[in-house]
Protein backbone atom coordinates (compact mmCIF):
# COMPACT_ATOMS: atom_id res chain seq x y z
CA UNK A 1 0.10 0.05 0.14
CA UNK A 2 2.98 2.35 0.57
CA UNK A 3 4.26 1.74 -2.74
CA UNK A 4 0.90 2.72 -4.36
CA UNK A 5 0.53 5.70 -2.23
CA UNK A 6 4.08 6.86 -3.18
CA UNK A 7 3.30 6.25 -6.80
CA UNK A 8 0.09 8.26 -6.86
CA UNK A 9 1.53 10.98 -4.89
CA UNK A 10 4.47 10.99 -7.18
CA UNK A 11 2.22 11.47 -10.25
CA UNK A 12 0.30 14.18 -8.53
CA UNK A 13 3.46 16.15 -7.56
CA UNK A 14 5.51 15.40 -10.70
CA UNK A 15 4.52 18.94 -11.98
CA UNK A 16 6.78 20.39 -9.26
CA UNK A 17 9.56 17.87 -9.84
CA UNK A 18 9.09 16.21 -6.40
CA UNK A 19 7.44 13.23 -8.09
CA UNK A 20 10.62 11.87 -9.33
CA UNK A 21 12.06 10.96 -5.97
CA UNK A 22 8.76 9.76 -4.74
CA UNK A 23 8.49 7.67 -7.88
CA UNK A 24 11.77 5.96 -7.19
CA UNK A 25 10.61 5.34 -3.71
CA UNK A 26 7.33 3.77 -4.95
CA UNK A 27 9.39 1.66 -7.58
CA UNK A 28 11.54 0.27 -4.81
CA UNK A 29 8.62 -0.42 -2.49
CA UNK A 30 6.61 -1.87 -5.50
CA UNK A 31 9.49 -4.26 -6.32
CA UNK A 32 9.52 -5.25 -2.59
CA UNK A 33 5.73 -5.64 -2.65
CA UNK A 34 5.83 -7.76 -5.75
CA UNK A 35 8.39 -10.14 -4.18
CA UNK A 36 6.17 -10.35 -0.95
CA UNK A 37 3.01 -11.02 -3.11
CA UNK A 38 4.85 -13.97 -5.03
CA UNK A 39 5.78 -15.44 -1.79
CA UNK A 40 2.34 -14.97 -0.01
CA UNK A 41 0.09 -15.11 -3.01
CA UNK A 42 -1.88 -11.90 -2.30
CA UNK A 43 -1.28 -8.15 -3.26
CA UNK A 44 0.11 -8.81 -6.71
CA UNK A 45 -2.27 -6.40 -8.23
CA UNK A 46 -1.47 -3.55 -5.90
CA UNK A 47 2.20 -4.00 -6.42
CA UNK A 48 1.94 -3.98 -10.12
CA UNK A 49 -0.32 -0.79 -9.99
CA UNK A 50 2.24 0.66 -7.64
CA UNK A 51 5.09 0.04 -10.22
CA UNK A 52 3.17 1.44 -12.94
CA UNK A 53 2.22 4.65 -11.12
CA UNK A 54 5.75 5.14 -9.89
CA UNK A 55 7.08 4.68 -13.27
CA UNK A 56 4.64 7.28 -14.60
CA UNK A 57 5.75 9.63 -11.93
CA UNK A 58 9.25 9.31 -12.89
CA UNK A 59 8.65 9.56 -16.73
CA UNK A 60 6.41 12.81 -16.16
CA UNK A 61 9.19 14.49 -13.91
CA UNK A 62 11.98 13.68 -16.32
CA UNK A 63 9.79 15.08 -19.34
CA UNK A 64 9.07 18.12 -17.27
CA UNK A 65 12.69 18.86 -16.30
CA UNK A 66 13.86 18.36 -19.91
CA UNK A 67 11.01 20.68 -21.10
CA UNK A 68 12.12 23.27 -18.51
CA UNK A 69 15.68 23.11 -19.62
CA UNK A 70 14.72 23.45 -23.24
CA UNK A 71 12.64 26.51 -22.35
CA UNK A 72 15.32 28.02 -20.23
CA UNK A 73 17.93 27.64 -23.05
CA UNK A 74 15.77 29.07 -25.64
CA UNK A 75 14.70 31.98 -23.59
CA UNK A 76 17.83 32.98 -21.65
CA UNK A 77 18.24 36.35 -23.19
CA UNK A 78 14.74 37.24 -21.79
CA UNK A 79 15.53 37.14 -18.11
CA UNK A 80 16.10 40.70 -17.56
CA UNK A 81 13.12 42.58 -18.96
CA UNK A 82 11.66 45.92 -17.63
CA UNK A 83 8.21 44.67 -17.90
CA UNK A 84 6.31 41.57 -18.19
CA UNK A 85 5.10 42.66 -21.57
CA UNK A 86 8.74 42.88 -22.81
CA UNK A 87 9.46 39.54 -21.43
CA UNK A 88 6.34 37.95 -23.44
CA UNK A 89 7.62 39.76 -26.49
CA UNK A 90 11.08 38.53 -26.16
CA UNK A 91 9.96 34.83 -25.44
CA UNK A 92 7.80 34.87 -28.54
CA UNK A 93 10.57 36.09 -30.61
CA UNK A 94 13.05 33.59 -29.13
CA UNK A 95 10.69 30.71 -29.64
CA UNK A 96 9.76 31.61 -33.18
CA UNK A 97 13.15 32.04 -34.14
CA UNK A 98 12.93 35.67 -35.30
């Protein structure tokens, strides 16, 4: 159950990059749960659900981190604007290639 909770919380918090470490924790606990389920014969479905949600949390966090790094790389000249309007204009110019 802890593995599934970690996986679900990881998916929900992957937007703020906290989901990655929680996903890893859920992945480890899910593997332990899967081994326990093999030995006892119960809980296999919960362990598999935990592994899936944990993997999703890790994948979403990695994709978000890559996206943020790409965005920061393409808009680094826009970080010192005098106004928000100048910032948005700069970002639009940088992303459109103008």
